[in-house]
Protein backbone atom coordinates (compact mmCIF):
# COMPACT_ATOMS: atom_id res chain seq x y z
CA MET A 1 56.06 135.58 217.30
CA ARG A 2 58.23 138.55 217.66
CA LYS A 3 59.49 139.34 221.14
CA ASN A 4 62.09 141.42 222.90
CA TYR A 5 64.94 139.86 224.94
CA GLU A 6 67.62 141.28 227.46
CA LYS A 7 70.29 142.56 227.03
CA SER A 8 71.86 139.48 228.73
CA PHE A 9 70.22 137.06 226.18
CA ILE A 10 71.07 138.81 223.53
CA GLN A 11 74.43 138.85 225.18
CA GLY A 12 74.73 135.46 225.36
CA ILE A 13 74.47 134.46 221.71
CA LEU A 14 77.01 137.19 220.62
CA ASP A 15 79.22 135.24 223.32
CA GLN A 16 79.05 131.98 221.25
CA TYR A 17 81.53 133.70 219.07
CA GLU A 18 84.95 134.69 218.61
CA ASN A 19 85.35 138.08 219.79
CA LEU A 20 81.87 140.09 218.50
CA GLY A 21 82.56 142.44 221.96
CA GLU A 22 80.11 143.64 224.92
CA ILE A 23 77.05 145.26 224.41
CA LEU A 24 76.52 148.76 224.25
CA GLU A 25 73.26 149.42 222.80
CA TYR A 26 70.95 147.28 221.03
CA ASN A 27 66.86 147.58 220.56
CA LEU A 28 64.39 145.13 218.83
CA PHE A 29 63.29 145.66 214.74
CA MET A 30 59.39 146.79 214.87
CA THR A 31 58.85 145.57 211.60
CA GLY A 32 57.87 141.91 210.12
CA PHE A 33 55.77 139.99 212.97
CA GLU A 34 57.54 135.93 213.09
CA ASN A 35 61.07 136.62 214.04
CA SER A 36 62.69 138.39 216.68
CA ASN A 37 65.31 140.79 214.53
CA PHE A 38 67.98 142.76 216.98
CA TYR A 39 70.27 145.72 216.07
CA VAL A 40 73.48 145.37 218.38
CA ARG A 41 76.29 147.44 218.70
CA THR A 42 79.15 146.24 220.65
CA ASP A 43 82.50 147.92 221.43
CA ILE A 44 83.94 145.97 218.60
CA GLY A 45 81.20 147.04 215.73
CA GLU A 46 77.70 146.61 214.81
CA PHE A 47 75.95 143.33 214.18
CA ALA A 48 72.11 142.21 213.30
CA VAL A 49 70.77 139.10 215.71
CA LYS A 50 67.95 136.98 214.77
CA ILE A 51 66.21 135.16 216.80
CA PHE A 52 64.08 132.26 214.83
CA GLU A 53 60.14 132.12 216.47
CA GLY A 54 58.03 131.31 213.38
CA LEU A 55 54.93 129.17 213.73
CA GLU A 56 55.82 125.87 212.62
CA LEU A 57 59.18 126.58 212.17
CA LYS A 58 60.94 123.12 212.47
CA PRO A 59 64.90 122.95 212.59
CA GLU A 60 65.39 121.75 209.61
CA ASN A 61 64.04 124.38 208.07
CA VAL A 62 65.69 127.04 209.99
CA SER A 63 68.80 125.25 209.14
CA PHE A 64 67.87 125.43 205.54
CA GLU A 65 67.26 129.39 205.77
CA VAL A 66 70.68 129.62 206.66
CA GLU A 67 71.73 127.61 204.02
CA VAL A 68 70.04 129.44 201.08
CA SER A 69 70.91 133.10 202.35
CA ASP A 70 74.53 132.19 202.65
CA TYR A 71 74.43 130.88 199.03
CA ALA A 72 72.90 133.75 197.80
CA PHE A 73 75.77 135.76 199.63
CA LYS A 74 78.42 133.47 198.37
CA GLN A 75 76.65 134.63 194.72
CA GLY A 76 77.39 138.07 194.99
CA ILE A 77 73.40 139.25 196.11
CA LYS A 78 72.97 141.83 198.06
CA VAL A 79 72.13 140.06 200.76
CA PRO A 80 74.04 140.33 204.64
CA LYS A 81 76.77 138.01 205.75
CA ILE A 82 75.91 135.38 208.27
CA TYR A 83 79.20 134.96 210.72
CA ALA A 84 80.13 131.62 211.86
CA ASN A 85 80.27 130.76 215.67
CA LYS A 86 83.19 129.10 217.66
CA GLU A 87 82.32 125.94 216.14
CA GLY A 88 82.22 126.83 212.74
CA LYS A 89 78.47 126.59 212.43
CA LEU A 90 76.27 129.62 210.84
CA GLU A 91 73.20 128.73 213.30
CA THR A 92 73.52 129.05 216.92
CA ILE A 93 71.11 127.65 219.65
CA PHE A 94 71.26 128.83 222.79
CA ASN A 95 68.62 128.26 225.69
CA GLU A 96 66.75 126.40 222.99
CA LYS A 97 66.51 129.35 220.54
CA HIS A 98 68.00 129.19 217.23
CA ALA A 99 70.11 132.28 216.39
CA ILE A 100 72.07 133.93 213.58
CA VAL A 101 74.60 136.85 213.78
CA MET A 102 75.26 138.70 210.47
CA ASN A 103 76.73 141.75 209.55
CA TYR A 104 74.91 144.97 210.08
CA VAL A 105 73.80 146.74 206.61
CA ALA A 106 73.26 150.42 206.83
CA GLY A 107 70.18 151.33 205.72
CA GLU A 108 66.50 151.90 206.53
CA ASN A 109 63.74 149.65 205.29
CA MET A 110 60.69 150.94 203.00
CA HIS A 111 57.98 149.90 204.72
CA ALA A 112 55.31 152.20 204.06
CA LYS A 113 57.66 154.99 202.01
CA GLU A 114 58.01 155.76 198.38
CA LEU A 115 59.79 153.96 196.00
CA THR A 116 61.44 155.75 193.25
CA ASP A 117 61.75 154.07 189.81
CA SER A 118 65.92 153.42 190.25
CA LEU A 119 65.40 151.49 193.43
CA VAL A 120 62.27 149.56 192.25
CA GLU A 121 64.80 148.53 189.27
CA GLN A 122 67.40 147.51 191.35
CA ILE A 123 65.32 145.34 193.53
CA ALA A 124 63.69 143.75 190.76
CA GLU A 125 67.49 143.08 189.28
CA GLU A 126 68.37 141.01 192.74
CA ALA A 127 65.28 139.52 192.30
CA GLY A 128 65.85 137.61 189.12
CA LYS A 129 69.63 137.10 189.69
CA MET A 130 68.11 135.45 193.13
CA ASP A 131 65.81 133.09 191.35
CA PHE A 132 68.31 132.25 188.56
CA ALA A 133 70.54 131.36 191.13
CA PHE A 134 68.93 129.72 193.04
CA LYS A 135 68.13 127.24 190.39
CA ALA A 136 70.91 124.92 191.80
CA PHE A 137 68.33 123.98 194.58
CA GLN A 138 66.54 121.12 193.10
CA ASP A 139 64.77 119.99 195.99
CA GLY A 140 62.23 122.31 198.17
CA SER A 141 61.35 119.63 201.03
CA LYS A 142 63.11 121.73 203.67
CA THR A 143 60.94 124.59 203.46
CA ARG A 144 57.96 124.84 205.73
CA GLN A 145 55.36 122.34 203.61
CA SER A 146 51.69 123.97 204.57
CA TYR A 147 52.84 127.62 204.96
CA GLU A 148 49.99 129.77 205.02
CA PHE A 149 51.93 132.83 203.08
CA ASP A 150 52.68 130.40 200.51
CA LEU A 151 50.36 131.42 197.84
CA LYS A 152 49.95 127.48 196.57
CA ASN A 153 48.25 126.97 200.12
CA VAL A 154 45.87 130.17 199.81
CA LEU A 155 42.64 127.91 199.50
CA MET A 156 44.14 126.91 203.41
CA LEU A 157 42.72 130.39 204.49
CA GLU A 158 39.00 130.01 203.75
CA LYS A 159 38.45 128.97 207.44
CA ASN A 160 40.17 132.07 208.31
CA VAL A 161 36.97 134.13 207.35
CA GLU A 162 34.99 133.59 210.76
CA TYR A 163 37.38 136.15 212.55
CA LEU A 164 36.67 138.78 210.42
CA SER A 165 34.35 141.69 212.07
CA GLU A 166 30.99 142.94 209.71
CA GLU A 167 33.44 145.85 208.04
CA PHE A 168 35.28 143.38 206.25
CA ASP A 169 32.55 142.36 202.80
CA ARG A 170 33.18 138.82 202.47
CA GLU A 171 32.05 138.87 199.01
CA VAL A 172 35.02 140.60 197.94
CA LEU A 173 37.26 138.33 200.02
CA GLN A 174 34.99 135.32 199.00
CA ARG A 175 35.24 136.12 194.94
CA VAL A 176 39.17 136.00 195.07
CA PHE A 177 39.02 132.57 196.23
CA GLU A 178 36.69 131.50 193.48
CA ASP A 179 39.19 133.15 191.30
CA PHE A 180 42.19 131.21 192.62
CA LYS A 181 40.52 128.33 192.32
CA ARG A 182 39.72 128.73 188.57
CA ILE A 183 43.46 129.11 188.22
CA LYS A 184 44.61 126.62 190.86
CA GLN A 185 45.31 123.51 188.56
CA GLU A 186 46.79 125.95 186.03
CA PHE A 187 48.98 127.42 188.56
CA ASP A 188 50.29 124.14 189.97
CA GLN A 189 51.97 123.08 186.73
CA LEU A 190 53.89 126.27 186.31
CA PRO A 191 57.60 126.33 186.34
CA LYS A 192 58.76 126.22 190.04
CA GLY A 193 61.83 126.10 192.16
CA LEU A 194 63.44 127.91 195.20
CA ILE A 195 61.62 131.47 195.85
CA HIS A 196 62.51 134.17 198.69
CA ASN A 197 58.72 134.63 198.44
CA ASP A 198 59.14 138.27 200.20
CA ILE A 199 61.02 140.62 198.54
CA VAL A 200 58.59 143.45 199.36
CA PRO A 201 60.00 147.12 200.66
CA HIS A 202 60.22 146.50 204.35
CA ASN A 203 63.07 144.00 203.44
CA CYS A 204 64.87 146.06 201.43
CA LEU A 205 67.67 148.10 203.00
CA VAL A 206 68.07 151.37 201.31
CA GLN A 207 70.61 154.46 201.72
CA GLY A 208 69.69 157.16 199.49
CA GLU A 209 68.97 155.96 195.77
CA LYS A 210 70.90 152.67 196.70
CA LEU A 211 69.54 149.15 197.55
CA ASN A 212 72.32 147.99 199.84
CA ALA A 213 70.49 144.45 200.93
CA ILE A 214 67.30 142.00 201.06
CA ILE A 215 66.83 139.99 204.20
CA ASP A 216 64.66 137.98 205.73
CA PHE A 217 64.65 134.01 204.07
CA SER A 218 62.12 133.18 206.70
CA ASP A 219 59.68 132.55 203.71
CA ILE A 220 61.37 130.49 201.31
CA ALA A 221 59.04 128.45 199.51
CA PHE A 222 59.46 125.81 196.41
CA SER A 223 57.14 127.41 194.40
CA PRO A 224 56.06 128.72 190.87
CA TYR A 225 58.98 131.37 190.01
CA VAL A 226 55.72 134.00 189.12
CA GLN A 227 54.19 133.87 192.60
CA ASN A 228 57.74 135.69 193.88
CA VAL A 229 57.12 138.32 191.53
CA ALA A 230 53.84 138.21 192.11
CA VAL A 231 54.46 138.88 195.93
CA SER A 232 56.97 142.04 195.36
CA LEU A 233 54.33 143.73 193.07
CA HIS A 234 51.97 143.82 195.28
CA LEU A 235 53.58 145.75 198.01
CA ILE A 236 56.00 147.79 195.41
CA ALA A 237 53.58 148.82 193.34
CA PHE A 238 50.01 148.25 194.61
CA GLY A 239 50.45 148.45 198.29
CA TYR A 240 51.54 151.96 200.33
CA ASN A 241 53.41 153.29 197.33
CA TRP A 242 50.39 152.74 195.03
CA LYS A 243 52.75 153.59 191.73
CA PRO A 244 51.11 150.77 189.26
CA GLU A 245 53.49 151.78 186.40
CA GLN A 246 56.29 150.43 188.50
CA ALA A 247 54.53 147.15 187.83
CA GLY A 248 55.89 146.96 184.09
CA LEU A 249 59.34 148.54 185.34
CA PHE A 250 60.03 145.52 187.69
CA VAL A 251 58.65 142.93 185.28
CA ARG A 252 60.75 143.80 182.43
CA THR A 253 63.58 144.13 184.74
CA TYR A 254 63.27 141.24 186.32
CA LEU A 255 62.62 138.88 183.06
CA LYS A 256 66.20 139.64 182.21
CA HIS A 257 67.61 137.35 184.51
CA ASN A 258 64.72 135.23 184.73
CA PRO A 259 62.21 134.71 181.73
CA LEU A 260 58.44 134.03 182.41
CA THR A 261 56.05 133.09 179.84
CA GLU A 262 52.81 134.80 178.73
CA LYS A 263 51.27 132.00 180.68
CA GLU A 264 52.47 132.72 183.82
CA LEU A 265 52.38 136.64 183.39
CA ARG A 266 48.75 135.94 182.77
CA LEU A 267 48.09 134.62 186.14
CA MET A 268 49.83 137.16 188.17
CA TYR A 269 46.87 139.74 188.52
CA ILE A 270 45.14 137.06 190.38
CA LEU A 271 47.98 135.80 192.41
CA ILE A 272 48.54 139.74 193.66
CA LYS A 273 45.06 139.57 194.83
CA ALA A 274 45.36 136.32 196.81
CA ARG A 275 48.36 137.75 198.48
CA PHE A 276 46.63 140.33 199.47
CA LEU A 277 43.70 138.04 200.96
CA THR A 278 46.40 136.03 202.48
CA PHE A 279 47.53 139.36 204.67
CA VAL A 280 43.93 140.23 205.92
CA LEU A 281 43.07 136.58 206.58
CA GLU A 282 46.23 135.49 208.46
CA PHE A 283 47.07 138.50 210.28
CA ASN A 284 43.43 139.10 211.43
CA LYS A 285 43.45 135.26 212.73
CA TRP A 286 46.59 135.96 214.55
CA ASN A 287 44.80 138.99 216.45
CA PHE A 288 42.01 136.39 217.79
CA VAL A 289 44.43 133.61 218.33
CA TYR A 290 47.42 134.71 219.51
CA ALA A 291 48.07 138.27 221.31
CA PHE A 292 46.42 141.59 219.95
CA ASP A 293 48.96 143.33 218.08
CA GLU A 294 48.32 146.92 217.02
CA LEU A 295 50.27 146.95 213.73
CA ARG A 296 48.88 143.86 213.04
CA ALA A 297 45.44 145.36 213.09
CA LYS A 298 46.86 148.06 211.01
CA THR A 299 48.37 145.91 208.08
CA VAL A 300 45.22 144.16 208.23
CA LYS A 301 42.75 146.86 207.17
CA ASP A 302 45.65 148.56 204.85
CA HIS A 303 45.77 145.43 202.93
CA TYR A 304 42.09 145.34 202.86
CA GLU A 305 41.75 148.63 200.96
CA PHE A 306 44.62 147.76 198.78
CA LEU A 307 42.75 144.76 197.65
CA LYS A 308 40.05 146.86 197.16
CA ARG A 309 41.79 149.37 195.48
CA PHE A 310 43.22 146.99 192.98
CA ILE A 311 40.62 145.27 191.92
CA GLN A 312 38.94 148.67 191.34
CA PHE A 313 42.12 149.38 188.90
CA GLY A 314 41.39 146.37 187.10
CA GLU A 315 42.74 142.97 185.46
CA VAL A 316 43.01 144.89 181.90
CA GLU A 317 44.72 148.00 183.41
CA PHE A 318 47.06 145.42 185.03
CA ASN A 319 48.02 143.18 182.37
CA LYS A 320 48.45 146.34 179.66
CA LEU A 321 51.38 147.38 182.15
CA ILE A 322 53.56 143.85 182.16
CA SER A 323 52.77 142.71 178.70
């Protein structure tokens, strides 16, 4: 779980590298709930420090994430550069914490902000390029195998319904489960590969009209490619931004780099509903099992409303947009 650290701890991580300087300013980024990400300014320059805190995150998961992110950077995809430490390793272990230091990429994350068509196209370009480039990874065994935010595992979340308060209509959520059960076998047989699995506004760093970077590879999964598109659309076109027409723009741009079949696209409506469902049930459970977090509670309520609005929008209208 995300947590704050004393300045001395962050400095201890920087000291594992050559000449990154002394900290003059640092702060914890408050978006994201799993890992601890810091902006750091030293007398040498600006950096980003990521400390891995993920639930059930194994060392092999962290090492693979770092490898994948570095590969994306070397392929020319817009992601931050990871620095090598004094031992020549991209991953640093300090006081039993796994961490990386990256170049600081200027820009604001787009959480709950309006996205222009130009930005949506740029994000879709990078998503398509990334999925195509990651075909180099043929083995997904180093990703988290039972990760709740991987849609192939969404049925694991049925047990989380018990944590919901009375303000949530359980029948609405149960119908999403039933829809997913109906397509589960077909979904599991779709073309799959390594995907980022979280290309959403809060992981996009933007300056003006320019996408500077996509960040945070902690949700990588070896799953159907259409899942990566559905995960993006749930917040790019149907969340805080709510511009349904941008779903078609995103899909058309993505397909230039990594084609999907009509069969794959036909399942996307249910996959987006399942993604909203995941946020509602998993983050709501976290607020019961772990410390209560106001931002997490707001995310749960917001996604429940997004889900109901998306259901009302309807599958027919959605399929018209992406056909």
